[in-house]
C-alpha atoms as a PDB file:
ATOM      1  CA  MET A   1      20.838 -19.421   8.036  1.00  0.00           C
ATOM      2  CA  THR A   2      19.992 -16.350   5.978  1.00  0.00           C
ATOM      3  CA  THR A   3      19.062 -14.291   9.022  1.00  0.00           C
ATOM      4  CA  ALA A   4      22.405 -15.170  10.590  1.00  0.00           C
ATOM      5  CA  ALA A   5      24.084 -13.494   7.631  1.00  0.00           C
ATOM      6  CA  THR A   6      22.577 -10.127   8.570  1.00  0.00           C
ATOM      7  CA  ARG A   7      23.901  -7.960  11.374  1.00  0.00           C
ATOM      8  CA  ARG A   8      21.612  -6.971  14.212  1.00  0.00           C
ATOM      9  CA  SER A   9      21.921  -3.323  13.157  1.00  0.00           C
ATOM     10  CA  ASP A  10      20.665  -4.271   9.691  1.00  0.00           C
ATOM     11  CA  ARG A  11      17.436  -5.526  11.271  1.00  0.00           C
ATOM     12  CA  ARG A  12      16.881  -2.750  13.809  1.00  0.00           C
ATOM     13  CA  ILE A  13      13.672  -0.808  13.151  1.00  0.00           C
ATOM     14  CA  SER A  14      14.468   2.673  11.875  1.00  0.00           C
ATOM     15  CA  PRO A  15      13.570   5.761  13.944  1.00  0.00           C
ATOM     16  CA  VAL A  16      12.086   7.170  10.732  1.00  0.00           C
ATOM     17  CA  PHE A  17       9.556   4.346  10.583  1.00  0.00           C
ATOM     18  CA  LEU A  18       8.854   4.592  14.305  1.00  0.00           C
ATOM     19  CA  GLY A  19       8.199   8.311  13.865  1.00  0.00           C
ATOM     20  CA  ILE A  20       5.710   7.656  11.067  1.00  0.00           C
ATOM     21  CA  ALA A  21       4.014   4.973  13.159  1.00  0.00           C
ATOM     22  CA  ALA A  22       3.831   7.429  16.073  1.00  0.00           C
ATOM     23  CA  VAL A  23       2.112  10.014  13.849  1.00  0.00           C
ATOM     24  CA  MET A  24      -0.354   7.318  12.789  1.00  0.00           C
ATOM     25  CA  GLY A  25      -1.080   6.428  16.410  1.00  0.00           C
ATOM     26  CA  VAL A  26      -1.512  10.007  17.630  1.00  0.00           C
ATOM     27  CA  ALA A  27      -3.616  11.008  14.618  1.00  0.00           C
ATOM     28  CA  GLY A  28      -5.721   7.865  15.038  1.00  0.00           C
ATOM     29  CA  TRP A  29      -6.315   8.785  18.673  1.00  0.00           C
ATOM     30  CA  ALA A  30      -7.249  12.360  17.662  1.00  0.00           C
ATOM     31  CA  THR A  31      -9.651  11.001  15.038  1.00  0.00           C
ATOM     32  CA  TRP A  32     -11.261   8.624  17.548  1.00  0.00           C
ATOM     33  CA  THR A  33     -11.627  11.156  20.358  1.00  0.00           C
ATOM     34  CA  GLY A  34     -12.498  14.173  18.217  1.00  0.00           C
ATOM     35  CA  PHE A  35      -9.571  16.013  19.810  1.00  0.00           C
ATOM     36  CA  ALA A  36      -8.800  17.978  16.645  1.00  0.00           C
ATOM     37  CA  GLU A  37     -10.937  21.033  15.962  1.00  0.00           C
ATOM     38  CA  GLN A  38     -11.102  19.994  12.308  1.00  0.00           C
ATOM     39  CA  PRO A  39     -11.692  16.212  12.092  1.00  0.00           C
ATOM     40  CA  GLY A  40     -10.442  16.232   8.523  1.00  0.00           C
ATOM     41  CA  VAL A  41      -6.929  17.232   9.607  1.00  0.00           C
ATOM     42  CA  ALA A  42      -6.718  14.272  12.000  1.00  0.00           C
ATOM     43  CA  VAL A  43      -8.121  11.931   9.333  1.00  0.00           C
ATOM     44  CA  PHE A  44      -5.604  13.257   6.787  1.00  0.00           C
ATOM     45  CA  LEU A  45      -2.650  12.644   9.113  1.00  0.00           C
ATOM     46  CA  PHE A  46      -3.946   9.249  10.246  1.00  0.00           C
ATOM     47  CA  VAL A  47      -4.664   7.893   6.750  1.00  0.00           C
ATOM     48  CA  THR A  48      -1.480   9.325   5.210  1.00  0.00           C
ATOM     49  CA  ALA A  49       0.742   7.947   7.974  1.00  0.00           C
ATOM     50  CA  ALA A  50      -1.026   4.570   7.875  1.00  0.00           C
ATOM     51  CA  TRP A  51      -0.645   4.500   4.092  1.00  0.00           C
ATOM     52  CA  VAL A  52       3.113   5.142   4.365  1.00  0.00           C
ATOM     53  CA  VAL A  53       3.362   2.431   7.048  1.00  0.00           C
ATOM     54  CA  SER A  54       1.661   0.002   4.662  1.00  0.00           C
ATOM     55  CA  LEU A  55       4.089   0.984   1.878  1.00  0.00           C
ATOM     56  CA  CYS A  56       7.012   0.274   4.200  1.00  0.00           C
ATOM     57  CA  LEU A  57       5.544  -3.099   5.158  1.00  0.00           C
ATOM     58  CA  HIS A  58       4.928  -3.862   1.479  1.00  0.00           C
ATOM     59  CA  GLU A  59       8.592  -3.315   0.631  1.00  0.00           C
ATOM     60  CA  TYR A  60       9.713  -5.101   3.809  1.00  0.00           C
ATOM     61  CA  ALA A  61       7.725  -8.165   2.744  1.00  0.00           C
ATOM     62  CA  HIS A  62       9.564  -8.220  -0.590  1.00  0.00           C
ATOM     63  CA  ALA A  63      12.920  -7.827   1.151  1.00  0.00           C
ATOM     64  CA  ARG A  64      12.317 -10.341   3.914  1.00  0.00           C
ATOM     65  CA  THR A  65      11.096 -12.974   1.477  1.00  0.00           C
ATOM     66  CA  ALA A  66      14.132 -12.355  -0.731  1.00  0.00           C
ATOM     67  CA  LEU A  67      16.433 -12.707   2.275  1.00  0.00           C
ATOM     68  CA  HIS A  68      14.995 -16.105   3.164  1.00  0.00           C
ATOM     69  CA  SER A  69      15.144 -17.104  -0.507  1.00  0.00           C
ATOM     70  CA  GLY A  70      18.892 -16.549  -0.749  1.00  0.00           C
ATOM     71  CA  ASP A  71      19.642 -12.845  -1.301  1.00  0.00           C
ATOM     72  CA  ILE A  72      21.771 -12.133   1.780  1.00  0.00           C
ATOM     73  CA  SER A  73      22.671  -8.669   0.450  1.00  0.00           C
ATOM     74  CA  ILE A  74      19.257  -7.371   1.563  1.00  0.00           C
ATOM     75  CA  GLY A  75      20.344  -6.537   5.112  1.00  0.00           C
ATOM     76  CA  ALA A  76      23.284  -4.332   4.090  1.00  0.00           C
ATOM     77  CA  LYS A  77      20.958  -2.259   1.886  1.00  0.00           C
ATOM     78  CA  GLY A  78      18.859  -1.268   4.892  1.00  0.00           C
ATOM     79  CA  TYR A  79      15.620  -2.780   3.607  1.00  0.00           C
ATOM     80  CA  LEU A  80      14.977  -4.693   6.830  1.00  0.00           C
ATOM     81  CA  THR A  81      14.887  -1.517   8.935  1.00  0.00           C
ATOM     82  CA  LEU A  82      11.544  -0.396   7.427  1.00  0.00           C
ATOM     83  CA  ASN A  83      13.186   2.948   6.630  1.00  0.00           C
ATOM     84  CA  PRO A  84      11.460   4.346   3.515  1.00  0.00           C
ATOM     85  CA  LEU A  85      14.535   6.468   2.764  1.00  0.00           C
ATOM     86  CA  LYS A  86      16.497   3.274   2.044  1.00  0.00           C
ATOM     87  CA  TYR A  87      14.415   2.275  -0.959  1.00  0.00           C
ATOM     88  CA  THR A  88      15.933   2.366  -4.417  1.00  0.00           C
ATOM     89  CA  HIS A  89      13.798   5.373  -5.336  1.00  0.00           C
ATOM     90  CA  ALA A  90      12.101   7.216  -2.468  1.00  0.00           C
ATOM     91  CA  LEU A  91      10.166   9.388  -4.952  1.00  0.00           C
ATOM     92  CA  LEU A  92       8.492   6.378  -6.571  1.00  0.00           C
ATOM     93  CA  SER A  93       8.168   4.401  -3.347  1.00  0.00           C
ATOM     94  CA  ILE A  94       6.700   7.055  -1.056  1.00  0.00           C
ATOM     95  CA  VAL A  95       6.195  10.535  -2.531  1.00  0.00           C
ATOM     96  CA  LEU A  96       4.225   9.613  -5.664  1.00  0.00           C
ATOM     97  CA  PRO A  97       1.911   7.107  -3.916  1.00  0.00           C
ATOM     98  CA  VAL A  98       1.079   9.732  -1.277  1.00  0.00           C
ATOM     99  CA  LEU A  99       0.464  12.381  -3.956  1.00  0.00           C
ATOM    100  CA  PHE A 100      -1.895  10.068  -5.840  1.00  0.00           C
ATOM    101  CA  VAL A 101      -3.837   9.396  -2.652  1.00  0.00           C
ATOM    102  CA  ILE A 102      -4.176  13.139  -2.122  1.00  0.00           C
ATOM    103  CA  MET A 103      -5.144  13.828  -5.745  1.00  0.00           C
ATOM    104  CA  GLY A 104      -7.391  10.924  -6.581  1.00  0.00           C
ATOM    105  CA  GLY A 105      -7.853   8.472  -3.737  1.00  0.00           C
ATOM    106  CA  ILE A 106      -5.989   5.709  -5.565  1.00  0.00           C
ATOM    107  CA  GLY A 107      -3.622   3.335  -3.793  1.00  0.00           C
ATOM    108  CA  LEU A 108      -0.879   3.598  -6.379  1.00  0.00           C
ATOM    109  CA  PRO A 109       1.848   0.936  -6.103  1.00  0.00           C
ATOM    110  CA  GLY A 110       5.223   2.251  -4.975  1.00  0.00           C
ATOM    111  CA  GLY A 111       8.709   1.548  -6.287  1.00  0.00           C
ATOM    112  CA  ALA A 112      10.462  -1.680  -5.418  1.00  0.00           C
ATOM    113  CA  VAL A 113      13.485  -2.639  -3.387  1.00  0.00           C
ATOM    114  CA  PHE A 114      16.467  -3.826  -5.411  1.00  0.00           C
ATOM    115  CA  ILE A 115      16.791  -7.593  -5.168  1.00  0.00           C
ATOM    116  CA  GLU A 116      19.756  -9.497  -6.575  1.00  0.00           C
ATOM    117  CA  ARG A 117      17.751 -12.114  -8.373  1.00  0.00           C
ATOM    118  CA  SER A 118      20.856 -14.010  -9.489  1.00  0.00           C
ATOM    119  CA  ARG A 119      21.354 -15.138  -5.879  1.00  0.00           C
ATOM    120  CA  ILE A 120      17.930 -16.803  -5.804  1.00  0.00           C
ATOM    121  CA  LYS A 121      17.306 -20.241  -7.268  1.00  0.00           C
ATOM    122  CA  GLY A 122      13.900 -21.606  -8.130  1.00  0.00           C
ATOM    123  CA  ARG A 123      10.977 -20.065  -9.978  1.00  0.00           C
ATOM    124  CA  TRP A 124       8.580 -20.465  -7.057  1.00  0.00           C
ATOM    125  CA  LYS A 125      10.858 -18.358  -4.859  1.00  0.00           C
ATOM    126  CA  HIS A 126      10.977 -15.568  -7.427  1.00  0.00           C
ATOM    127  CA  SER A 127       7.196 -15.601  -7.733  1.00  0.00           C
ATOM    128  CA  LEU A 128       6.725 -15.568  -3.980  1.00  0.00           C
ATOM    129  CA  ILE A 129       9.061 -12.587  -3.575  1.00  0.00           C
ATOM    130  CA  SER A 130       6.952 -10.592  -6.021  1.00  0.00           C
ATOM    131  CA  ALA A 131       3.661 -11.697  -4.448  1.00  0.00           C
ATOM    132  CA  ALA A 132       4.753 -10.925  -0.878  1.00  0.00           C
ATOM    133  CA  GLY A 133       4.291  -7.153  -1.251  1.00  0.00           C
ATOM    134  CA  PRO A 134       0.686  -7.018  -2.502  1.00  0.00           C
ATOM    135  CA  LEU A 135      -0.255  -9.830  -0.123  1.00  0.00           C
ATOM    136  CA  THR A 136       0.749  -7.418   2.633  1.00  0.00           C
ATOM    137  CA  ASN A 137      -1.775  -4.925   1.236  1.00  0.00           C
ATOM    138  CA  VAL A 138      -4.394  -7.681   1.284  1.00  0.00           C
ATOM    139  CA  LEU A 139      -3.604  -8.389   4.941  1.00  0.00           C
ATOM    140  CA  PHE A 140      -3.729  -4.671   5.753  1.00  0.00           C
ATOM    141  CA  ALA A 141      -7.133  -4.444   4.043  1.00  0.00           C
ATOM    142  CA  VAL A 142      -8.427  -7.394   6.086  1.00  0.00           C
ATOM    143  CA  VAL A 143      -7.353  -5.652   9.303  1.00  0.00           C
ATOM    144  CA  CYS A 144      -8.957  -2.339   8.270  1.00  0.00           C
ATOM    145  CA  THR A 145     -12.221  -3.989   7.294  1.00  0.00           C
ATOM    146  CA  ALA A 146     -12.403  -6.374  10.280  1.00  0.00           C
ATOM    147  CA  PRO A 147     -14.674  -4.096  12.363  1.00  0.00           C
ATOM    148  CA  PHE A 148     -17.094  -3.956   9.416  1.00  0.00           C
ATOM    149  CA  TRP A 149     -17.372  -7.651   8.563  1.00  0.00           C
ATOM    150  CA  LEU A 150     -17.282  -8.598  12.238  1.00  0.00           C
ATOM    151  CA  HIS A 151     -20.128  -6.136  12.886  1.00  0.00           C
ATOM    152  CA  ALA A 152     -18.071  -4.570  15.669  1.00  0.00           C
ATOM    153  CA  LEU A 153     -18.777  -0.912  14.933  1.00  0.00           C
ATOM    154  CA  ASP A 154     -20.816  -0.154  18.059  1.00  0.00           C
ATOM    155  CA  GLY A 155     -19.149   2.745  19.820  1.00  0.00           C
ATOM    156  CA  VAL A 156     -16.771   3.495  16.945  1.00  0.00           C
ATOM    157  CA  PRO A 157     -16.865   7.249  16.196  1.00  0.00           C
ATOM    158  CA  ALA A 158     -18.094   8.147  12.716  1.00  0.00           C
ATOM    159  CA  ALA A 159     -14.889   9.947  11.692  1.00  0.00           C
ATOM    160  CA  PHE A 160     -12.743   6.958  12.635  1.00  0.00           C
ATOM    161  CA  ARG A 161     -15.082   4.561  10.817  1.00  0.00           C
ATOM    162  CA  TYR A 162     -14.913   6.687   7.675  1.00  0.00           C
ATOM    163  CA  ALA A 163     -11.112   6.897   7.911  1.00  0.00           C
ATOM    164  CA  LEU A 164     -10.838   3.105   8.191  1.00  0.00           C
ATOM    165  CA  ALA A 165     -13.142   2.647   5.205  1.00  0.00           C
ATOM    166  CA  PHE A 166     -11.062   5.009   3.057  1.00  0.00           C
ATOM    167  CA  LEU A 167      -7.819   3.363   4.178  1.00  0.00           C
ATOM    168  CA  ALA A 168      -9.296  -0.025   3.279  1.00  0.00           C
ATOM    169  CA  LEU A 169     -10.168   1.336  -0.172  1.00  0.00           C
ATOM    170  CA  LEU A 170      -6.537   2.387  -0.665  1.00  0.00           C
ATOM    171  CA  GLN A 171      -5.282  -1.055   0.357  1.00  0.00           C
ATOM    172  CA  VAL A 172      -7.680  -2.868  -1.956  1.00  0.00           C
ATOM    173  CA  THR A 173      -6.783  -0.640  -4.912  1.00  0.00           C
ATOM    174  CA  ALA A 174      -3.074  -1.121  -4.184  1.00  0.00           C
ATOM    175  CA  ALA A 175      -3.451  -4.899  -4.031  1.00  0.00           C
ATOM    176  CA  ILE A 176      -5.409  -5.082  -7.286  1.00  0.00           C
ATOM    177  CA  LEU A 177      -3.112  -2.729  -9.190  1.00  0.00           C
ATOM    178  CA  ASN A 178      -0.005  -4.501  -7.902  1.00  0.00           C
ATOM    179  CA  PHE A 179      -1.328  -7.904  -8.942  1.00  0.00           C
ATOM    180  CA  LEU A 180      -1.955  -6.808 -12.536  1.00  0.00           C
ATOM    181  CA  PRO A 181       0.302  -8.850 -14.874  1.00  0.00           C
ATOM    182  CA  VAL A 182       1.797  -5.665 -16.305  1.00  0.00           C
ATOM    183  CA  PRO A 183       5.567  -5.261 -16.743  1.00  0.00           C
ATOM    184  CA  GLY A 184       6.974  -3.254 -13.870  1.00  0.00           C
ATOM    185  CA  LEU A 185       4.286  -4.350 -11.411  1.00  0.00           C
ATOM    186  CA  ASP A 186       4.393  -7.210  -8.929  1.00  0.00           C
ATOM    187  CA  GLY A 187       1.797  -9.213 -10.823  1.00  0.00           C
ATOM    188  CA  TYR A 188       4.157  -9.498 -13.765  1.00  0.00           C
ATOM    189  CA  GLY A 189       6.941 -10.443 -11.370  1.00  0.00           C
ATOM    190  CA  VAL A 190       4.825 -13.385 -10.229  1.00  0.00           C
ATOM    191  CA  ILE A 191       4.452 -14.823 -13.724  1.00  0.00           C
ATOM    192  CA  GLU A 192       7.778 -13.687 -15.207  1.00  0.00           C
ATOM    193  CA  PRO A 193       9.823 -16.686 -13.963  1.00  0.00           C
ATOM    194  CA  TRP A 194       7.457 -18.984 -15.829  1.00  0.00           C
ATOM    195  CA  LEU A 195       7.801 -17.212 -19.179  1.00  0.00           C
ATOM    196  CA  SER A 196      10.299 -18.192 -21.845  1.00  0.00           C
ATOM    197  CA  TYR A 197      13.565 -16.279 -22.109  1.00  0.00           C
ATOM    198  CA  GLY A 198      12.503 -14.834 -25.466  1.00  0.00           C
ATOM    199  CA  VAL A 199       9.243 -13.462 -24.110  1.00  0.00           C
ATOM    200  CA  ARG A 200      11.013 -11.917 -21.102  1.00  0.00           C
ATOM    201  CA  ARG A 201      13.530 -10.196 -23.381  1.00  0.00           C
ATOM    202  CA  GLN A 202      10.757  -8.782 -25.565  1.00  0.00           C
ATOM    203  CA  VAL A 203       8.784  -7.465 -22.589  1.00  0.00           C
ATOM    204  CA  GLU A 204      11.758  -6.075 -20.630  1.00  0.00           C
ATOM    205  CA  PRO A 205      11.968  -2.683 -22.434  1.00  0.00           C
ATOM    206  CA  PHE A 206       8.356  -1.906 -21.480  1.00  0.00           C
ATOM    207  CA  ALA A 207       8.822  -2.455 -17.728  1.00  0.00           C
ATOM    208  CA  PRO A 208       9.603   1.222 -16.898  1.00  0.00           C
ATOM    209  CA  PHE A 209       6.350   2.308 -18.556  1.00  0.00           C
ATOM    210  CA  GLY A 210       3.956  -0.287 -17.159  1.00  0.00           C
ATOM    211  CA  LEU A 211       2.831   1.787 -14.197  1.00  0.00           C
ATOM    212  CA  LEU A 212       2.393   4.876 -16.377  1.00  0.00           C
ATOM    213  CA  ALA A 213       0.248   2.864 -18.796  1.00  0.00           C
ATOM    214  CA  VAL A 214      -1.986   1.649 -15.968  1.00  0.00           C
ATOM    215  CA  PHE A 215      -2.338   5.154 -14.613  1.00  0.00           C
ATOM    216  CA  GLY A 216      -3.169   6.446 -18.097  1.00  0.00           C
ATOM    217  CA  LEU A 217      -5.898   3.840 -18.465  1.00  0.00           C
ATOM    218  CA  LEU A 218      -7.407   4.888 -15.148  1.00  0.00           C
ATOM    219  CA  TRP A 219      -7.816   8.396 -16.542  1.00  0.00           C
ATOM    220  CA  ILE A 220     -10.238   7.021 -19.135  1.00  0.00           C
ATOM    221  CA  PRO A 221     -13.691   7.654 -17.591  1.00  0.00           C
ATOM    222  CA  SER A 222     -15.192   4.293 -18.565  1.00  0.00           C
ATOM    223  CA  VAL A 223     -12.175   2.349 -17.260  1.00  0.00           C
ATOM    224  CA  ASN A 224     -12.075   4.424 -14.073  1.00  0.00           C
ATOM    225  CA  ARG A 225     -15.786   3.844 -13.514  1.00  0.00           C
ATOM    226  CA  GLU A 226     -15.517   0.066 -13.938  1.00  0.00           C
ATOM    227  CA  PHE A 227     -12.396  -0.093 -11.783  1.00  0.00           C
ATOM    228  CA  PHE A 228     -14.003   1.691  -8.852  1.00  0.00           C
ATOM    229  CA  HIS A 229     -17.185  -0.312  -9.330  1.00  0.00           C
ATOM    230  CA  LEU A 230     -15.029  -3.401  -8.775  1.00  0.00           C
ATOM    231  CA  ILE A 231     -13.453  -1.792  -5.695  1.00  0.00           C
ATOM    232  CA  ASP A 232     -16.862  -0.876  -4.268  1.00  0.00           C
ATOM    233  CA  THR A 233     -18.091  -4.433  -4.883  1.00  0.00           C
ATOM    234  CA  ILE A 234     -15.136  -5.908  -3.005  1.00  0.00           C
ATOM    235  CA  LEU A 235     -15.517  -3.444  -0.146  1.00  0.00           C
ATOM    236  CA  GLY A 236     -19.239  -4.170  -0.048  1.00  0.00           C
ATOM    237  CA  GLY A 237     -18.468  -7.856   0.343  1.00  0.00           C
ATOM    238  CA  LEU A 238     -16.306  -6.908   3.317  1.00  0.00           C
ATOM    239  CA  GLY A 239     -19.135  -4.975   4.915  1.00  0.00           C
ATOM    240  CA  ILE A 240     -18.139  -1.440   3.905  1.00  0.00           C
ATOM    241  CA  ASP A 241     -20.841   0.743   2.437  1.00  0.00           C
ATOM    242  CA  VAL A 242     -19.710   3.016  -0.390  1.00  0.00           C
ATOM    243  CA  ARG A 243     -20.921   5.989   1.649  1.00  0.00           C
ATOM    244  CA  ASP A 244     -18.385   5.191   4.373  1.00  0.00           C
ATOM    245  CA  SER A 245     -15.422   5.172   1.990  1.00  0.00           C
ATOM    246  CA  ASP A 246     -16.710   8.282   0.199  1.00  0.00           C
ATOM    247  CA  CYS A 247     -17.091  10.108   3.515  1.00  0.00           C
ATOM    248  CA  GLY A 248     -13.585   9.038   4.449  1.00  0.00           C
ATOM    249  CA  GLN A 249     -12.206  10.547   1.266  1.00  0.00           C
ATOM    250  CA  TRP A 250     -14.178  13.765   1.760  1.00  0.00           C
ATOM    251  CA  LEU A 251     -12.853  14.093   5.304  1.00  0.00           C
ATOM    252  CA  TYR A 252      -9.353  13.313   4.082  1.00  0.00           C
ATOM    253  CA  ARG A 253      -9.516  16.220   1.637  1.00  0.00           C
ATOM    254  CA  PHE A 254     -10.075  18.650   4.514  1.00  0.00           C
ATOM    255  CA  TRP A 255      -9.011  21.671   2.464  1.00  0.00           C
ATOM    256  CA  GLU A 256     -12.086  21.420   0.254  1.00  0.00           C
ATOM    257  CA  PRO A 257     -15.368  23.194   1.149  1.00  0.00           C
ATOM    258  CA  ASN A 258     -17.842  21.103   3.165  1.00  0.00           C
ATOM    259  CA  SER A 259     -15.325  18.262   3.501  1.00  0.00           C
ATOM    260  CA  ASP A 260     -16.745  17.485   6.953  1.00  0.00           C
ATOM    261  CA  ILE A 261     -20.353  17.283   5.800  1.00  0.00           C
ATOM    262  CA  CYS A 262     -20.559  13.579   6.760  1.00  0.00           C
ATOM    263  CA  VAL A 263     -19.743  14.193  10.418  1.00  0.00           C
ATOM    264  CA  ARG A 264     -22.020  17.248  10.550  1.00  0.00           C
ATOM    265  CA  SER A 265     -25.032  15.507   9.013  1.00  0.00           C
END
């Protein structure tokens, strides 16, 4: 019944998203075939476009789950079109996550869609809405790592393999960071409905600063080291060697000297 409350135009995939997906496809083809003179440029475009696609799917998962949970206002806000420009804050949702990938290779969580929680009844539904986004990152990571844990890498060009490994790293970091029970992140949204009203009121003022606090902690060398050790362990369990993800990041940063050393060696 909830889908009937949305117009067909509210659910039509946006040309903006289709354009981003097209860039991902063309850049992926260029990475696979070695069409680009500089493989790093193709890897940069492929990973960046794929990362934005995953951000759009992350927010879509929140919105779609909210729609089926009772918030029929979702469609009119444009969230079901996968258009990143429709999010409540495009800077937080798209621009900053892309910048953090470029600067540090971290899959920083994006901003959230605005959901009218008062329309939704039941704590489990509220928790599921919050969990839907990072679960999309988990699914994306499974897809990216499938060739590795299925041992299906025969014939896969090195540059494409490295790009997939780096993209998987971004998805795993995004999933872990999003699931942290920190105010302002999805992990807190999962547990928030189960907290007392008093606790929620006390925590509420800190929500705008939760992401900044997490990012600040990651700047501490010991925390950063342990965090990426955890990421490497998870990726290793999925069949990705740390060298593959490192090479993917080096190729991605094509503007740096010797960024293509992995494909030349």
